[in-house]
Amino acid sequence: MLGIVTALIISWIILHLFDKKSILSLGFLPLSRRMKQFGIGFMITAFLCLSVELIELLLKSSNLYFNKEYSFRLFTSMFFWDLKSVITEELIFRGAILLILIERIGIKAGLLISATAFGIFGNIFPMIVVLIGTGIMGYAWSLSFYKTKSILMPIGLHLGWNFTFNTIFSKGPLGAGFLISEGGRTLSDWFSLVGLWIVPVIVLLIIKYWIPTETNLSNNEDLKTSTSNS
């Protein structure tokens, strides 16, 4: 939680110093629309991650079973770990800095810088394959920030994948989650490209061609409406 608070404070300071804006310029309002965008983003990547994991299980002929030691307490602990890490990363890579980059150097350059930074720092080992995959995903999430004028959809996209991968299929650093797989044949390294490259490309295409672009005018009007209603 301290990381989120720190990232929010730093983001607010950066926005105020460079653009004289508040933290609300990251698109937290109107809340109903932003939560809908968050939900859409979450469902997109959760479905894609679920599909990849099920295909892998079928190809490997692995045994899948429920974790008998799984509990609601463990679920909440793992979920909030995913949520905190995602929000912190999104505030860093798709928050105030990305907003300022877009306004100062343009959309394409700003998105590319954000995607490259996420690709480099998103993995300890800067392998070219991983860099390309995380870079494409980072670009897709950055594009969703630009198109929706809100950080909520990138958070949803990021959390949908991490939650399904870590908490549901026990693939992350948190240990055994809801489902555990054992055994099966070893797949070719080429299959890893499905998750590393193909999924990011699918997400990018969905964001590019399916998610509508909000204008600053409409966003400002929504903010005024939300303020007046409150």
Protein backbone atom coordinates (compact mmCIF):
# COMPACT_ATOMS: atom_id res chain seq x y z
CA MET A 1 0.00 0.00 0.00
CA LEU A 2 2.89 2.33 0.75
CA GLY A 3 4.10 1.92 -2.84
CA ILE A 4 0.70 3.01 -4.22
CA VAL A 5 0.53 6.04 -1.93
CA THR A 6 4.08 7.02 -2.85
CA ALA A 7 3.37 6.62 -6.58
CA LEU A 8 0.20 8.71 -6.26
CA ILE A 9 2.00 11.50 -4.41
CA ILE A 10 4.87 11.55 -6.92
CA SER A 11 2.39 11.49 -9.82
CA TRP A 12 0.47 14.41 -8.33
CA ILE A 13 3.69 16.40 -7.88
CA ILE A 14 4.82 15.70 -11.46
CA LEU A 15 1.43 16.66 -12.90
CA HIS A 16 1.35 19.88 -10.87
CA LEU A 17 4.92 20.89 -11.72
CA PHE A 18 4.76 20.20 -15.45
CA ASP A 19 1.10 20.77 -16.38
CA LYS A 20 -0.56 22.40 -13.35
CA LYS A 21 -2.99 19.46 -13.19
CA SER A 22 -4.37 17.34 -10.37
CA ILE A 23 -4.27 13.57 -10.01
CA LEU A 24 -7.83 13.45 -11.44
CA SER A 25 -6.35 14.16 -14.88
CA LEU A 26 -5.40 10.47 -14.95
CA GLY A 27 -9.06 9.76 -15.59
CA PHE A 28 -10.64 8.49 -12.37
CA LEU A 29 -13.97 10.22 -13.13
CA PRO A 30 -16.77 9.70 -13.97
CA LEU A 31 -16.50 6.64 -11.76
CA SER A 32 -19.24 4.54 -13.41
CA ARG A 33 -17.64 4.80 -16.87
CA ARG A 34 -14.14 4.20 -15.52
CA MET A 35 -15.18 1.08 -13.60
CA LYS A 36 -16.85 -0.23 -16.77
CA GLN A 37 -13.59 0.32 -18.67
CA PHE A 38 -11.69 -1.38 -15.86
CA GLY A 39 -14.04 -4.37 -16.06
CA ILE A 40 -13.76 -4.63 -19.84
CA GLY A 41 -9.97 -4.54 -19.63
CA PHE A 42 -9.93 -7.17 -16.90
CA MET A 43 -12.19 -9.55 -18.84
CA ILE A 44 -10.16 -9.21 -22.06
CA THR A 45 -6.84 -10.30 -20.58
CA ALA A 46 -8.36 -12.76 -18.09
CA PHE A 47 -10.08 -14.57 -20.98
CA LEU A 48 -6.89 -14.59 -23.07
CA CYS A 49 -4.80 -15.88 -20.17
CA LEU A 50 -7.41 -18.55 -19.41
CA SER A 51 -7.38 -19.63 -23.06
CA VAL A 52 -3.58 -19.88 -23.19
CA GLU A 53 -3.40 -21.88 -19.96
CA LEU A 54 -6.13 -24.33 -21.05
CA ILE A 55 -4.46 -24.86 -24.43
CA GLU A 56 -1.17 -25.53 -22.65
CA LEU A 57 -2.84 -28.04 -20.33
CA LEU A 58 -4.40 -29.89 -23.28
CA LEU A 59 -1.15 -30.00 -25.25
CA LYS A 60 0.86 -31.17 -22.25
CA SER A 61 -1.84 -33.58 -21.02
CA SER A 62 -1.19 -32.29 -17.51
CA ASN A 63 -3.28 -33.13 -14.47
CA LEU A 64 -5.22 -30.16 -13.11
CA TYR A 65 -6.70 -30.14 -9.63
CA PHE A 66 -8.01 -27.74 -7.03
CA ASN A 67 -5.72 -26.67 -4.22
CA LYS A 68 -7.18 -28.30 -1.09
CA GLU A 69 -5.47 -25.72 1.12
CA TYR A 70 -6.98 -22.82 -0.80
CA SER A 71 -9.09 -20.47 1.31
CA PHE A 72 -10.84 -17.13 1.07
CA ARG A 73 -8.05 -15.60 3.14
CA LEU A 74 -5.45 -16.89 0.69
CA PHE A 75 -7.54 -15.62 -2.23
CA THR A 76 -7.79 -12.10 -0.80
CA SER A 77 -4.09 -12.08 0.07
CA MET A 78 -3.04 -13.08 -3.46
CA PHE A 79 -5.60 -10.81 -5.13
CA PHE A 80 -4.53 -7.72 -3.21
CA TRP A 81 -0.86 -8.53 -3.88
CA ASP A 82 -1.66 -8.58 -7.61
CA LEU A 83 -3.76 -5.42 -7.29
CA LYS A 84 -1.11 -3.45 -5.41
CA SER A 85 1.69 -4.43 -7.78
CA VAL A 86 -0.44 -3.64 -10.86
CA ILE A 87 -1.58 -0.22 -9.62
CA THR A 88 1.97 0.74 -8.68
CA GLU A 89 3.35 -0.31 -12.08
CA GLU A 90 0.55 1.42 -13.97
CA LEU A 91 1.06 4.68 -12.10
CA ILE A 92 4.73 4.50 -13.08
CA PHE A 93 4.42 3.43 -16.72
CA ARG A 94 0.93 4.63 -17.74
CA GLY A 95 0.37 7.50 -15.33
CA ALA A 96 1.59 11.07 -15.07
CA ILE A 97 4.77 10.56 -17.09
CA LEU A 98 2.93 9.02 -20.05
CA LEU A 99 0.33 11.80 -19.98
CA ILE A 100 3.06 14.46 -20.06
CA LEU A 101 4.99 12.61 -22.79
CA ILE A 102 1.89 12.48 -25.00
CA GLU A 103 1.21 16.17 -24.54
CA ARG A 104 4.84 17.28 -24.95
CA ILE A 105 6.26 15.05 -27.71
CA GLY A 106 3.16 13.54 -29.35
CA ILE A 107 1.11 10.38 -29.22
CA LYS A 108 3.35 7.97 -31.15
CA ALA A 109 6.62 9.00 -29.50
CA GLY A 110 5.07 9.01 -26.04
CA LEU A 111 3.53 5.55 -26.47
CA LEU A 112 6.77 4.11 -27.86
CA ILE A 113 8.86 5.46 -24.99
CA SER A 114 6.40 4.08 -22.44
CA ALA A 115 6.27 0.68 -24.18
CA THR A 116 10.07 0.46 -24.42
CA ALA A 117 10.49 1.35 -20.75
CA PHE A 118 7.95 -1.28 -19.73
CA GLY A 119 9.62 -3.87 -21.96
CA ILE A 120 13.06 -3.24 -20.49
CA PHE A 121 12.10 -3.02 -16.84
CA GLY A 122 9.29 -5.57 -16.96
CA ASN A 123 11.72 -8.50 -16.81
CA ILE A 124 15.02 -9.03 -15.02
CA PHE A 125 16.67 -10.65 -18.02
CA PRO A 126 16.49 -8.28 -21.02
CA MET A 127 16.14 -11.00 -23.63
CA ILE A 128 15.05 -9.74 -27.00
CA VAL A 129 12.04 -12.07 -27.17
CA VAL A 130 10.74 -10.93 -23.82
CA LEU A 131 11.49 -7.30 -24.65
CA ILE A 132 9.40 -7.48 -27.81
CA GLY A 133 6.49 -9.21 -26.08
CA THR A 134 6.33 -6.97 -23.02
CA GLY A 135 6.95 -3.96 -25.25
CA ILE A 136 3.93 -4.78 -27.43
CA MET A 137 1.77 -5.38 -24.35
CA GLY A 138 3.03 -2.16 -22.80
CA TYR A 139 2.18 -0.30 -26.01
CA ALA A 140 -1.34 -1.78 -25.99
CA TRP A 141 -1.92 -0.72 -22.39
CA SER A 142 -0.50 2.73 -23.09
CA LEU A 143 -2.78 3.04 -26.12
CA SER A 144 -5.77 2.15 -23.94
CA PHE A 145 -4.76 4.96 -21.58
CA TYR A 146 -4.65 7.41 -24.47
CA LYS A 147 -7.92 6.25 -26.04
CA THR A 148 -9.96 6.17 -22.84
CA LYS A 149 -8.20 9.16 -21.22
CA SER A 150 -8.10 7.05 -18.06
CA ILE A 151 -5.67 4.81 -16.21
CA LEU A 152 -8.48 2.45 -15.16
CA MET A 153 -8.55 0.36 -18.34
CA PRO A 154 -4.76 -0.25 -18.29
CA ILE A 155 -5.11 -1.30 -14.65
CA GLY A 156 -7.92 -3.70 -15.62
CA LEU A 157 -5.93 -5.13 -18.54
CA HIS A 158 -2.85 -5.62 -16.37
CA LEU A 159 -4.75 -7.09 -13.41
CA GLY A 160 -6.81 -9.47 -15.56
CA TRP A 161 -3.68 -11.18 -16.83
CA ASN A 162 -1.71 -11.13 -13.55
CA PHE A 163 -4.64 -12.33 -11.43
CA THR A 164 -5.50 -15.22 -13.75
CA PHE A 165 -1.85 -16.19 -14.21
CA ASN A 166 -0.78 -15.86 -10.56
CA THR A 167 -3.83 -16.50 -8.41
CA ILE A 168 -5.90 -18.88 -10.56
CA PHE A 169 -3.21 -20.97 -12.27
CA SER A 170 -0.43 -20.63 -9.66
CA LYS A 171 2.16 -19.53 -12.23
CA GLY A 172 3.52 -16.42 -10.51
CA PRO A 173 5.77 -15.74 -7.52
CA LEU A 174 3.00 -16.25 -4.94
CA GLY A 175 3.07 -20.04 -4.85
CA ALA A 176 0.07 -22.38 -5.00
CA GLY A 177 -3.17 -20.64 -5.88
CA PHE A 178 -6.62 -21.90 -6.83
CA LEU A 179 -5.57 -24.46 -9.47
CA ILE A 180 -2.43 -26.59 -9.61
CA SER A 181 -1.17 -28.55 -12.62
CA GLU A 182 1.24 -31.47 -12.51
CA GLY A 183 2.97 -33.76 -14.97
CA GLY A 184 2.55 -33.90 -18.71
CA ARG A 185 4.90 -33.69 -21.63
CA THR A 186 7.33 -30.86 -22.22
CA LEU A 187 6.24 -28.38 -24.87
CA SER A 188 8.47 -26.77 -27.44
CA ASP A 189 9.89 -23.36 -26.56
CA TRP A 190 7.93 -22.04 -29.53
CA PHE A 191 4.71 -22.37 -27.53
CA SER A 192 5.93 -19.65 -25.18
CA LEU A 193 5.55 -17.21 -28.07
CA VAL A 194 1.78 -17.60 -27.76
CA GLY A 195 1.82 -15.82 -24.44
CA LEU A 196 4.80 -13.59 -25.17
CA TRP A 197 3.90 -12.32 -28.65
CA ILE A 198 0.52 -13.51 -29.92
CA VAL A 199 -1.50 -12.46 -26.87
CA PRO A 200 0.00 -8.94 -26.78
CA VAL A 201 -0.73 -8.54 -30.50
CA ILE A 202 -4.36 -9.65 -29.95
CA VAL A 203 -4.73 -7.18 -27.07
CA LEU A 204 -3.22 -4.41 -29.20
CA LEU A 205 -5.64 -5.12 -32.07
CA ILE A 206 -8.61 -5.13 -29.67
CA ILE A 207 -7.56 -1.80 -28.18
CA LYS A 208 -6.79 -0.27 -31.56
CA TYR A 209 -9.96 -1.29 -33.42
CA TRP A 210 -12.58 -1.96 -30.75
CA ILE A 211 -12.04 0.57 -27.96
CA PRO A 212 -13.41 4.02 -28.97
CA THR A 213 -11.25 7.11 -28.54
CA GLU A 214 -12.58 9.69 -26.12
CA THR A 215 -11.98 13.34 -26.88
CA ASN A 216 -10.74 15.82 -24.31
CA LEU A 217 -13.96 17.80 -24.82
CA SER A 218 -16.25 14.90 -23.98
CA ASN A 219 -14.07 13.94 -21.05
CA ASN A 220 -14.20 17.48 -19.65
CA GLU A 221 -17.97 17.53 -20.06
CA ASP A 222 -18.26 14.27 -18.15
CA LEU A 223 -16.11 15.71 -15.37
CA LYS A 224 -18.33 18.78 -15.15
CA THR A 225 -21.47 16.61 -15.10
CA SER A 226 -20.03 14.37 -12.38
CA THR A 227 -19.05 17.40 -10.30
CA SER A 228 -22.44 19.08 -10.65
CA ASN A 229 -24.30 15.88 -9.77
CA SER A 230 -22.25 15.47 -6.64
